[in-house]
Amino acid sequence: MILWINGAFGAGKSTTAEELARHLDKSFIYDPEQVGYFLWDNFPDEMRRKGDFQNMAIWRQFNYKILKHIAENYTGTVIVPMTIYVKQYYDEIIGCLENDGIAIRHFILTASREAIIDRVVKRGGDCDGWEAQHIDVCLDAFDNDIPGHKIDTEKMNIDEVASEIISLLGGGNT
């Protein structure tokens, strides 16, 4: 099973994934961003770091294929903490995996814009930086375009968020 943790940049996806991995037997965290960094590091200079690597079809194709391979060859839970807010990109990765019959549980961590900005700043980000500039488009996409089980994390700590997800998965270890 793939457990996709989505949410705006700064919503707590990575921290939640780490907490889930501590509680779920035979779980593995897969970070799609690493594929983006690999591509940037191995492209010619004029192709490096040109915007968001999610905009590159090759990034989406690689992640789809890697996740499909892992899901077909690993019996544990694959935890994927990654913001996907463009419907086309969601369809190309998560939608295609679902069409292939791969079990995916998709959770979206939500909170107010102010709470997310506060979290970004507390972890060393800039209240006007790249993450903050994308909060509104993410929140809008999660309200209108991207399906998934929403968890309002506004007044929850990481333990509570992880416990809520585990409960929604049917409790206990998977």
C-alpha atoms as a PDB file:
ATOM      1  CA  MET A   1       0.000   0.000   0.000  1.00  0.00           C
ATOM      2  CA  ILE A   2       1.082   3.539  -0.722  1.00  0.00           C
ATOM      3  CA  LEU A   3       0.228   6.095   1.924  1.00  0.00           C
ATOM      4  CA  TRP A   4       0.464   9.523   0.261  1.00  0.00           C
ATOM      5  CA  ILE A   5       0.716  12.481   2.640  1.00  0.00           C
ATOM      6  CA  ASN A   6      -0.167  15.654   0.751  1.00  0.00           C
ATOM      7  CA  GLY A   7      -0.610  19.241   1.879  1.00  0.00           C
ATOM      8  CA  ALA A   8       0.699  22.726   1.295  1.00  0.00           C
ATOM      9  CA  PHE A   9       4.415  23.315   1.603  1.00  0.00           C
ATOM     10  CA  GLY A  10       5.049  23.589   5.336  1.00  0.00           C
ATOM     11  CA  ALA A  11       1.944  21.638   6.350  1.00  0.00           C
ATOM     12  CA  GLY A  12       3.951  18.971   8.196  1.00  0.00           C
ATOM     13  CA  LYS A  13       4.098  16.157   5.625  1.00  0.00           C
ATOM     14  CA  SER A  14       7.677  15.033   6.248  1.00  0.00           C
ATOM     15  CA  THR A  15       7.372  15.170  10.021  1.00  0.00           C
ATOM     16  CA  THR A  16       4.103  13.247   9.839  1.00  0.00           C
ATOM     17  CA  ALA A  17       5.702  10.661   7.541  1.00  0.00           C
ATOM     18  CA  GLU A  18       8.565  10.152   9.988  1.00  0.00           C
ATOM     19  CA  GLU A  19       6.117   9.701  12.860  1.00  0.00           C
ATOM     20  CA  LEU A  20       4.023   7.252  10.848  1.00  0.00           C
ATOM     21  CA  ALA A  21       7.135   5.244   9.964  1.00  0.00           C
ATOM     22  CA  ARG A  22       7.888   4.900  13.684  1.00  0.00           C
ATOM     23  CA  HIS A  23       4.448   3.388  14.284  1.00  0.00           C
ATOM     24  CA  LEU A  24       3.794   1.308  11.179  1.00  0.00           C
ATOM     25  CA  ASP A  25       5.617  -2.011  10.945  1.00  0.00           C
ATOM     26  CA  LYS A  26       7.454  -2.599   7.706  1.00  0.00           C
ATOM     27  CA  SER A  27       7.082   0.922   6.398  1.00  0.00           C
ATOM     28  CA  PHE A  28       9.383   2.870   4.133  1.00  0.00           C
ATOM     29  CA  ILE A  29       9.490   6.595   3.350  1.00  0.00           C
ATOM     30  CA  TYR A  30       9.888   7.373  -0.333  1.00  0.00           C
ATOM     31  CA  ASP A  31      10.709  11.001  -1.185  1.00  0.00           C
ATOM     32  CA  PRO A  32       9.844  11.981  -4.792  1.00  0.00           C
ATOM     33  CA  GLU A  33      11.852  15.192  -4.395  1.00  0.00           C
ATOM     34  CA  GLN A  34      15.035  13.106  -4.555  1.00  0.00           C
ATOM     35  CA  VAL A  35      14.221  12.281  -8.185  1.00  0.00           C
ATOM     36  CA  GLY A  36      13.992  16.014  -8.878  1.00  0.00           C
ATOM     37  CA  TYR A  37      17.355  16.654  -7.242  1.00  0.00           C
ATOM     38  CA  PHE A  38      18.868  13.767  -9.232  1.00  0.00           C
ATOM     39  CA  LEU A  39      17.560  15.243 -12.470  1.00  0.00           C
ATOM     40  CA  TRP A  40      18.812  18.725 -11.639  1.00  0.00           C
ATOM     41  CA  ASP A  41      22.225  17.382 -10.615  1.00  0.00           C
ATOM     42  CA  ASN A  42      22.594  15.366 -13.813  1.00  0.00           C
ATOM     43  CA  PHE A  43      21.277  17.788 -16.412  1.00  0.00           C
ATOM     44  CA  PRO A  44      23.494  20.157 -18.418  1.00  0.00           C
ATOM     45  CA  ASP A  45      23.911  23.598 -16.862  1.00  0.00           C
ATOM     46  CA  GLU A  46      21.313  25.270 -19.084  1.00  0.00           C
ATOM     47  CA  MET A  47      18.686  22.739 -17.960  1.00  0.00           C
ATOM     48  CA  ARG A  48      19.383  22.868 -14.232  1.00  0.00           C
ATOM     49  CA  ARG A  49      16.941  24.249 -11.707  1.00  0.00           C
ATOM     50  CA  LYS A  50      14.519  25.714 -14.202  1.00  0.00           C
ATOM     51  CA  GLY A  51      11.490  26.236 -11.999  1.00  0.00           C
ATOM     52  CA  ASP A  52       9.642  23.467 -10.176  1.00  0.00           C
ATOM     53  CA  PHE A  53      10.817  19.975 -11.146  1.00  0.00           C
ATOM     54  CA  GLN A  54       7.215  18.766 -10.868  1.00  0.00           C
ATOM     55  CA  ASN A  55       6.662  20.612 -14.143  1.00  0.00           C
ATOM     56  CA  MET A  56       9.011  18.175 -15.883  1.00  0.00           C
ATOM     57  CA  ALA A  57       7.144  15.218 -17.393  1.00  0.00           C
ATOM     58  CA  ILE A  58      10.195  13.037 -16.818  1.00  0.00           C
ATOM     59  CA  TRP A  59      10.004  13.702 -13.056  1.00  0.00           C
ATOM     60  CA  ARG A  60       6.370  12.562 -12.977  1.00  0.00           C
ATOM     61  CA  GLN A  61       7.083   9.519 -15.170  1.00  0.00           C
ATOM     62  CA  PHE A  62      10.069   8.427 -13.061  1.00  0.00           C
ATOM     63  CA  ASN A  63       8.134   8.752  -9.812  1.00  0.00           C
ATOM     64  CA  TYR A  64       5.163   6.846 -11.206  1.00  0.00           C
ATOM     65  CA  LYS A  65       7.427   4.019 -12.404  1.00  0.00           C
ATOM     66  CA  ILE A  66       9.502   3.909  -9.224  1.00  0.00           C
ATOM     67  CA  LEU A  67       6.426   3.864  -6.989  1.00  0.00           C
ATOM     68  CA  LYS A  68       4.775   1.203  -9.143  1.00  0.00           C
ATOM     69  CA  HIS A  69       7.915  -0.946  -8.937  1.00  0.00           C
ATOM     70  CA  ILE A  70       8.164  -0.544  -5.165  1.00  0.00           C
ATOM     71  CA  ALA A  71       4.448  -1.253  -4.651  1.00  0.00           C
ATOM     72  CA  GLU A  72       4.651  -4.405  -6.772  1.00  0.00           C
ATOM     73  CA  ASN A  73       7.771  -5.706  -5.022  1.00  0.00           C
ATOM     74  CA  TYR A  74       7.477  -4.558  -1.411  1.00  0.00           C
ATOM     75  CA  THR A  75       4.900  -5.936   0.999  1.00  0.00           C
ATOM     76  CA  GLY A  76       5.090  -3.071   3.488  1.00  0.00           C
ATOM     77  CA  THR A  77       3.633   0.418   3.512  1.00  0.00           C
ATOM     78  CA  VAL A  78       5.296   3.042   1.318  1.00  0.00           C
ATOM     79  CA  ILE A  79       4.876   6.495   2.871  1.00  0.00           C
ATOM     80  CA  VAL A  80       5.131   9.354   0.376  1.00  0.00           C
ATOM     81  CA  PRO A  81       5.272  12.882   1.847  1.00  0.00           C
ATOM     82  CA  MET A  82       4.839  15.077  -1.219  1.00  0.00           C
ATOM     83  CA  THR A  83       2.818  18.094  -2.201  1.00  0.00           C
ATOM     84  CA  ILE A  84       0.933  17.498  -5.441  1.00  0.00           C
ATOM     85  CA  TYR A  85      -1.447  20.352  -6.198  1.00  0.00           C
ATOM     86  CA  VAL A  86      -1.684  20.299  -9.999  1.00  0.00           C
ATOM     87  CA  LYS A  87      -4.549  17.983 -10.992  1.00  0.00           C
ATOM     88  CA  GLN A  88      -2.764  16.789 -14.145  1.00  0.00           C
ATOM     89  CA  TYR A  89       0.279  15.781 -12.087  1.00  0.00           C
ATOM     90  CA  TYR A  90      -1.935  14.069  -9.512  1.00  0.00           C
ATOM     91  CA  ASP A  91      -3.589  12.095 -12.321  1.00  0.00           C
ATOM     92  CA  GLU A  92      -0.247  11.195 -13.924  1.00  0.00           C
ATOM     93  CA  ILE A  93       1.168   9.727 -10.716  1.00  0.00           C
ATOM     94  CA  ILE A  94      -1.515   8.851  -8.177  1.00  0.00           C
ATOM     95  CA  GLY A  95      -4.302   8.335 -10.718  1.00  0.00           C
ATOM     96  CA  CYS A  96      -2.172   6.031 -12.874  1.00  0.00           C
ATOM     97  CA  LEU A  97      -1.071   4.022  -9.840  1.00  0.00           C
ATOM     98  CA  GLU A  98      -4.707   3.599  -8.807  1.00  0.00           C
ATOM     99  CA  ASN A  99      -5.617   2.585 -12.370  1.00  0.00           C
ATOM    100  CA  ASP A 100      -2.903  -0.078 -12.122  1.00  0.00           C
ATOM    101  CA  GLY A 101      -4.708  -1.516  -9.091  1.00  0.00           C
ATOM    102  CA  ILE A 102      -2.192  -0.271  -6.543  1.00  0.00           C
ATOM    103  CA  ALA A 103      -3.754   0.498  -3.172  1.00  0.00           C
ATOM    104  CA  ILE A 104      -3.268   4.161  -2.302  1.00  0.00           C
ATOM    105  CA  ARG A 105      -4.545   6.002   0.732  1.00  0.00           C
ATOM    106  CA  HIS A 106      -4.292   9.734   0.084  1.00  0.00           C
ATOM    107  CA  PHE A 107      -4.384  12.152   3.004  1.00  0.00           C
ATOM    108  CA  ILE A 108      -4.242  15.936   2.741  1.00  0.00           C
ATOM    109  CA  LEU A 109      -2.975  17.847   5.759  1.00  0.00           C
ATOM    110  CA  THR A 110      -4.790  21.164   6.004  1.00  0.00           C
ATOM    111  CA  ALA A 111      -4.586  24.224   8.210  1.00  0.00           C
ATOM    112  CA  SER A 112      -5.185  27.932   7.838  1.00  0.00           C
ATOM    113  CA  ARG A 113      -2.794  29.981   5.738  1.00  0.00           C
ATOM    114  CA  GLU A 114      -1.620  31.730   8.908  1.00  0.00           C
ATOM    115  CA  ALA A 115      -0.846  28.462  10.695  1.00  0.00           C
ATOM    116  CA  ILE A 116       1.103  27.152   7.714  1.00  0.00           C
ATOM    117  CA  ILE A 117       3.107  30.404   7.421  1.00  0.00           C
ATOM    118  CA  ASP A 118       3.881  30.157  11.141  1.00  0.00           C
ATOM    119  CA  ARG A 119       5.163  26.582  10.657  1.00  0.00           C
ATOM    120  CA  VAL A 120       7.290  27.614   7.664  1.00  0.00           C
ATOM    121  CA  VAL A 121       8.871  30.444   9.655  1.00  0.00           C
ATOM    122  CA  LYS A 122       9.450  28.227  12.731  1.00  0.00           C
ATOM    123  CA  ARG A 123      11.440  25.775  10.629  1.00  0.00           C
ATOM    124  CA  GLY A 124      13.605  28.566   9.234  1.00  0.00           C
ATOM    125  CA  GLY A 125      11.695  29.545   6.116  1.00  0.00           C
ATOM    126  CA  ASP A 126      10.751  33.004   4.962  1.00  0.00           C
ATOM    127  CA  CYS A 127       7.193  34.296   5.378  1.00  0.00           C
ATOM    128  CA  ASP A 128       7.474  35.647   1.812  1.00  0.00           C
ATOM    129  CA  GLY A 129       9.544  32.787   0.374  1.00  0.00           C
ATOM    130  CA  TRP A 130       8.756  30.185  -2.276  1.00  0.00           C
ATOM    131  CA  GLU A 131       6.787  27.937   0.095  1.00  0.00           C
ATOM    132  CA  ALA A 132       4.673  30.812   1.377  1.00  0.00           C
ATOM    133  CA  GLN A 133       4.010  32.042  -2.154  1.00  0.00           C
ATOM    134  CA  HIS A 134       2.452  28.674  -3.034  1.00  0.00           C
ATOM    135  CA  ILE A 135       0.183  28.217  -0.011  1.00  0.00           C
ATOM    136  CA  ASP A 136      -2.907  29.791  -1.555  1.00  0.00           C
ATOM    137  CA  VAL A 137      -2.708  27.808  -4.801  1.00  0.00           C
ATOM    138  CA  CYS A 138      -2.262  24.605  -2.786  1.00  0.00           C
ATOM    139  CA  LEU A 139      -5.175  25.312  -0.468  1.00  0.00           C
ATOM    140  CA  ASP A 140      -7.382  26.155  -3.445  1.00  0.00           C
ATOM    141  CA  ALA A 141      -6.394  22.962  -5.267  1.00  0.00           C
ATOM    142  CA  PHE A 142      -7.104  20.828  -2.199  1.00  0.00           C
ATOM    143  CA  ASP A 143     -10.518  22.454  -1.853  1.00  0.00           C
ATOM    144  CA  ASN A 144     -11.458  22.149  -5.523  1.00  0.00           C
ATOM    145  CA  ASP A 145      -9.312  19.801  -7.613  1.00  0.00           C
ATOM    146  CA  ILE A 146      -7.346  17.217  -5.647  1.00  0.00           C
ATOM    147  CA  PRO A 147      -9.318  14.412  -3.970  1.00  0.00           C
ATOM    148  CA  GLY A 148      -8.189  12.911  -0.691  1.00  0.00           C
ATOM    149  CA  HIS A 149      -9.099  12.553   2.960  1.00  0.00           C
ATOM    150  CA  LYS A 150      -8.496  15.937   4.587  1.00  0.00           C
ATOM    151  CA  ILE A 151      -7.144  16.194   8.101  1.00  0.00           C
ATOM    152  CA  ASP A 152      -7.341  19.605   9.728  1.00  0.00           C
ATOM    153  CA  THR A 153      -4.054  19.866  11.623  1.00  0.00           C
ATOM    154  CA  GLU A 154      -4.593  23.422  12.872  1.00  0.00           C
ATOM    155  CA  LYS A 155      -4.809  22.418  16.536  1.00  0.00           C
ATOM    156  CA  MET A 156      -3.114  19.012  16.363  1.00  0.00           C
ATOM    157  CA  ASN A 157       0.427  17.995  17.207  1.00  0.00           C
ATOM    158  CA  ILE A 158       2.316  15.478  15.068  1.00  0.00           C
ATOM    159  CA  ASP A 159       1.447  12.564  17.372  1.00  0.00           C
ATOM    160  CA  GLU A 160      -2.248  13.378  17.001  1.00  0.00           C
ATOM    161  CA  VAL A 161      -1.978  13.699  13.210  1.00  0.00           C
ATOM    162  CA  ALA A 162      -0.201  10.342  12.927  1.00  0.00           C
ATOM    163  CA  SER A 163      -2.706   8.707  15.294  1.00  0.00           C
ATOM    164  CA  GLU A 164      -5.599  10.050  13.219  1.00  0.00           C
ATOM    165  CA  ILE A 165      -4.112   8.611  10.020  1.00  0.00           C
ATOM    166  CA  ILE A 166      -3.397   5.259  11.677  1.00  0.00           C
ATOM    167  CA  SER A 167      -6.973   5.190  12.968  1.00  0.00           C
ATOM    168  CA  LEU A 168      -8.310   5.920   9.479  1.00  0.00           C
ATOM    169  CA  LEU A 169      -6.156   3.111   8.101  1.00  0.00           C
ATOM    170  CA  GLY A 170      -7.914   0.735  10.438  1.00  0.00           C
ATOM    171  CA  GLY A 171      -5.703   1.151  13.468  1.00  0.00           C
ATOM    172  CA  GLY A 172      -2.544  -0.621  14.435  1.00  0.00           C
ATOM    173  CA  ASN A 173       0.167  -1.704  12.099  1.00  0.00           C
ATOM    174  CA  THR A 174      -0.466  -2.440   8.456  1.00  0.00           C
END
